[in-house]
Structures are given as C-alpha cells and as structure tokens.
Amino acid sequence: MSIIEYGTFTYSHNTIVLNYAHNNQSMAHLWGANFSEAILIGRYNYKRWYADAKLIFGVRGLDFNDGTDNFSYGGDIYRDYNDSTFDTGVEVGQGIKTNIFNGNLQAGYMVNPASNLKIFTDITVRNFNPEATTTTTFKNNTVWFNFGIRTDLFNWYFDN
C-alpha cells in the first residue's frame, strides 16, 4: 500500500515558468497538488493463471472555474500564489472537494511463458465525484471491459 499526499500550494509560483510543468503536464504527479491518495496493488499467480488488482482512492481539491470565485485553492499548478485564498488554515482538499476512485481488476492465463503470450480479461472502473458542479467540474463514471490475447515481450511495469 502506498499513500501520497501533496499539500495545497505545493507548486506555488510567482511566474508561470516556475510552475513544475512541461507541455501542459505536471512533472511531479498527474493530479498536480492539493490532493491525497492511497494506492493498493495486489498480484496472485498459480501455475499459469494470474490475477492483478490496482485500487486508487483519492481526495482532490479543485478551483471554482465558473467565474463566481476567482481564488486559487492550490490544485491548479498554473495559478499564481498571489491568487491564493489564505495563508493559514490551509487543508488538503479545500475548494471543490472531489472524491476519486480508480480500480482495475485483471485475470488471465499464460499460454506461452517464453514470449509471455497471454489470454486475459480486464475491468476498469473510474469514478470522479465532486461536491459542486461547474462548467468544467462534473460527476463522471466510466466502466471498461476488455478481453483479448497479448504478448508482453518486455515487462516495463515497475509499480510493484
């Protein structure tokens, strides 16, 4: 289990070139700042059968980007620290508190261990649930089912 927390205003700056981003992507974490997450990863193998599970639970604070509130709550790494709401009493998840769940379950059978040829099935669930709805922030649920045949010639997954 891994627990990560990036505090509010972690990547604060006074000029846009100092915001810890490249090509409109955060260099530290995909969620930027003002979040807390817990990650659970489990793997099971029996002979040629395998199963993997990855569960991510998170709380994230987002800005009100609808024109009613022009303050920065720390989640948007592109906002200047002069736009911050306050300097004391800051809490992770302030702003639009959003609960996030990402889950992935996969099971399969290894047909050929020499080439990692596998038959698999997979389900992925994503749940994005903000406390308030704006034009850019709204509740969203996604479910994907996958099945197929694949070969993993190289194992590039290092999130053990």
Protein backbone atom coordinates (compact mmCIF):
# COMPACT_ATOMS: atom_id res chain seq x y z
CA MET A 1 0.00 0.00 0.00
CA SER A 2 1.22 3.47 -0.83
CA ILE A 3 -0.18 6.75 0.48
CA ILE A 4 0.74 10.01 -1.24
CA GLU A 5 -0.25 13.50 -0.21
CA TYR A 6 0.71 16.70 -2.00
CA GLY A 7 -0.28 19.70 0.03
CA THR A 8 -2.13 22.71 -1.16
CA PHE A 9 0.11 25.26 -2.92
CA THR A 10 2.98 22.74 -3.12
CA TYR A 11 4.00 24.10 -6.52
CA SER A 12 3.17 27.76 -5.94
CA HIS A 13 5.00 30.28 -8.07
CA ASN A 14 5.01 33.94 -8.95
CA THR A 15 5.68 33.44 -12.66
CA ILE A 16 4.33 30.76 -15.00
CA VAL A 17 7.80 29.45 -15.96
CA LEU A 18 8.36 28.23 -12.36
CA ASN A 19 5.26 26.00 -12.09
CA TYR A 20 6.79 22.48 -12.32
CA ALA A 21 5.07 21.63 -15.61
CA HIS A 22 6.14 20.75 -19.13
CA ASN A 23 3.91 20.54 -22.21
CA ASN A 24 0.85 21.32 -20.05
CA GLN A 25 1.53 18.28 -17.82
CA SER A 26 2.56 18.29 -14.18
CA MET A 27 6.09 16.92 -13.77
CA ALA A 28 5.52 15.61 -10.23
CA HIS A 29 2.07 13.98 -10.27
CA LEU A 30 -0.80 13.83 -12.74
CA TRP A 31 -3.19 15.39 -10.24
CA GLY A 32 -0.94 18.42 -9.63
CA ALA A 33 -1.28 19.46 -5.98
CA ASN A 34 -3.97 19.71 -3.26
CA PHE A 35 -4.76 16.01 -3.13
CA SER A 36 -4.33 12.89 -1.05
CA GLU A 37 -4.40 9.35 -2.42
CA ALA A 38 -3.99 5.76 -1.29
CA ILE A 39 -2.88 3.07 -3.74
CA LEU A 40 -3.38 -0.67 -3.19
CA ILE A 41 -1.77 -3.18 -5.58
CA GLY A 42 -2.18 -6.94 -5.35
CA ARG A 43 -0.96 -9.78 -7.54
CA TYR A 44 -1.66 -13.51 -7.49
CA ASN A 45 -0.09 -16.33 -9.56
CA TYR A 46 -0.91 -20.03 -9.61
CA LYS A 47 0.90 -22.09 -12.22
CA ARG A 48 -0.01 -20.28 -15.46
CA TRP A 49 -3.05 -18.44 -14.05
CA TYR A 50 -2.68 -14.88 -12.78
CA ALA A 51 -4.75 -12.05 -11.34
CA ASP A 52 -3.87 -8.41 -10.70
CA ALA A 53 -5.75 -5.69 -8.84
CA LYS A 54 -4.97 -1.99 -8.54
CA LEU A 55 -7.19 0.33 -6.46
CA ILE A 56 -6.65 4.08 -6.11
CA PHE A 57 -8.69 6.13 -3.64
CA GLY A 58 -8.20 9.89 -3.64
CA VAL A 59 -9.48 13.25 -2.46
CA ARG A 60 -8.66 16.29 -4.54
CA GLY A 61 -9.42 19.99 -4.16
CA LEU A 62 -10.30 21.85 -7.35
CA ASP A 63 -10.77 25.53 -8.13
CA PHE A 64 -14.14 27.11 -8.91
CA ASN A 65 -13.57 27.98 -12.58
CA ASP A 66 -17.07 29.27 -13.28
CA GLY A 67 -16.41 32.99 -12.69
CA THR A 68 -18.10 33.12 -9.26
CA ASP A 69 -14.87 32.57 -7.31
CA ASN A 70 -11.53 33.72 -8.70
CA PHE A 71 -9.36 32.37 -5.86
CA SER A 72 -6.81 29.59 -6.22
CA TYR A 73 -7.28 26.67 -3.83
CA GLY A 74 -3.92 25.12 -4.73
CA GLY A 75 -4.88 22.38 -7.16
CA ASP A 76 -4.11 24.24 -10.38
CA ILE A 77 -0.31 24.45 -10.69
CA TYR A 78 -0.67 27.17 -13.35
CA ARG A 79 -2.21 29.67 -10.92
CA ASP A 80 -0.02 32.34 -9.29
CA TYR A 81 0.36 32.12 -5.47
CA ASN A 82 -0.94 35.70 -5.25
CA ASP A 83 -4.38 34.29 -6.19
CA SER A 84 -4.44 32.06 -3.09
CA THR A 85 -7.39 32.16 -0.73
CA PHE A 86 -5.42 32.45 2.52
CA ASP A 87 -2.04 31.68 4.08
CA THR A 88 -3.12 29.90 7.28
CA GLY A 89 -5.66 27.16 7.96
CA VAL A 90 -4.96 25.56 4.58
CA GLU A 91 -6.21 21.96 4.25
CA VAL A 92 -5.72 19.33 1.58
CA GLY A 93 -8.93 19.04 -0.44
CA GLN A 94 -10.08 22.63 0.03
CA GLY A 95 -12.05 24.23 -2.79
CA ILE A 96 -14.34 21.82 -4.64
CA LYS A 97 -13.68 18.64 -2.67
CA THR A 98 -13.69 15.74 -5.11
CA ASN A 99 -13.65 12.03 -4.29
CA ILE A 100 -11.89 9.89 -6.89
CA PHE A 101 -11.79 6.12 -7.31
CA ASN A 102 -9.85 4.24 -9.99
CA GLY A 103 -9.98 0.45 -9.92
CA ASN A 104 -8.61 -2.21 -12.24
CA LEU A 105 -9.03 -5.99 -11.99
CA GLN A 106 -7.37 -8.33 -14.47
CA ALA A 107 -7.23 -12.12 -14.75
CA GLY A 108 -5.74 -14.38 -17.35
CA TYR A 109 -3.85 -17.45 -18.44
CA MET A 110 -0.28 -17.52 -19.76
CA VAL A 111 -0.29 -19.61 -22.95
CA ASN A 112 3.45 -19.38 -23.71
CA PRO A 113 5.86 -18.33 -20.92
CA ALA A 114 8.78 -17.84 -23.37
CA SER A 115 7.03 -14.94 -25.13
CA ASN A 116 4.60 -14.01 -22.32
CA LEU A 117 1.66 -14.80 -24.63
CA LYS A 118 -1.48 -14.34 -22.51
CA ILE A 119 -5.23 -14.62 -22.76
CA PHE A 120 -6.80 -12.07 -20.42
CA THR A 121 -9.92 -10.27 -19.31
CA ASP A 122 -9.97 -6.90 -17.59
CA ILE A 123 -12.40 -4.46 -15.97
CA THR A 124 -11.56 -0.83 -15.21
CA VAL A 125 -13.81 1.47 -13.17
CA ARG A 126 -13.31 5.22 -12.73
CA ASN A 127 -15.45 7.42 -10.51
CA PHE A 128 -15.00 11.22 -10.31
CA ASN A 129 -17.43 12.76 -7.78
CA PRO A 130 -17.09 16.49 -6.95
CA GLU A 131 -19.18 18.13 -4.23
CA ALA A 132 -20.10 21.00 -6.56
CA THR A 133 -20.79 21.08 -10.29
CA THR A 134 -19.33 23.77 -12.55
CA THR A 135 -18.88 24.04 -16.31
CA THR A 136 -15.52 22.21 -16.08
CA THR A 137 -16.10 20.03 -13.00
CA PHE A 138 -18.92 17.49 -13.00
CA LYS A 139 -19.65 13.95 -11.85
CA ASN A 140 -18.32 11.29 -14.21
CA ASN A 141 -18.34 7.47 -14.07
CA THR A 142 -16.65 5.17 -16.56
CA VAL A 143 -16.52 1.37 -16.87
CA TRP A 144 -14.39 -0.52 -19.42
CA PHE A 145 -14.41 -4.24 -20.17
CA ASN A 146 -11.53 -5.74 -22.12
CA PHE A 147 -10.57 -9.21 -23.21
CA GLY A 148 -8.01 -10.45 -25.67
CA ILE A 149 -4.70 -12.05 -26.50
CA ARG A 150 -1.43 -10.22 -25.99
CA THR A 151 2.28 -10.75 -25.61
CA ASP A 152 4.46 -8.82 -23.18
CA LEU A 153 7.93 -9.26 -24.62
CA PHE A 154 9.33 -6.83 -22.04
CA ASN A 155 7.92 -6.08 -18.61
CA TRP A 156 8.09 -2.29 -18.30
CA TYR A 157 5.73 -2.14 -15.29
CA PHE A 158 7.75 -1.14 -12.25
CA ASP A 159 4.94 -0.25 -9.83
CA ASN A 160 5.45 -3.32 -7.66
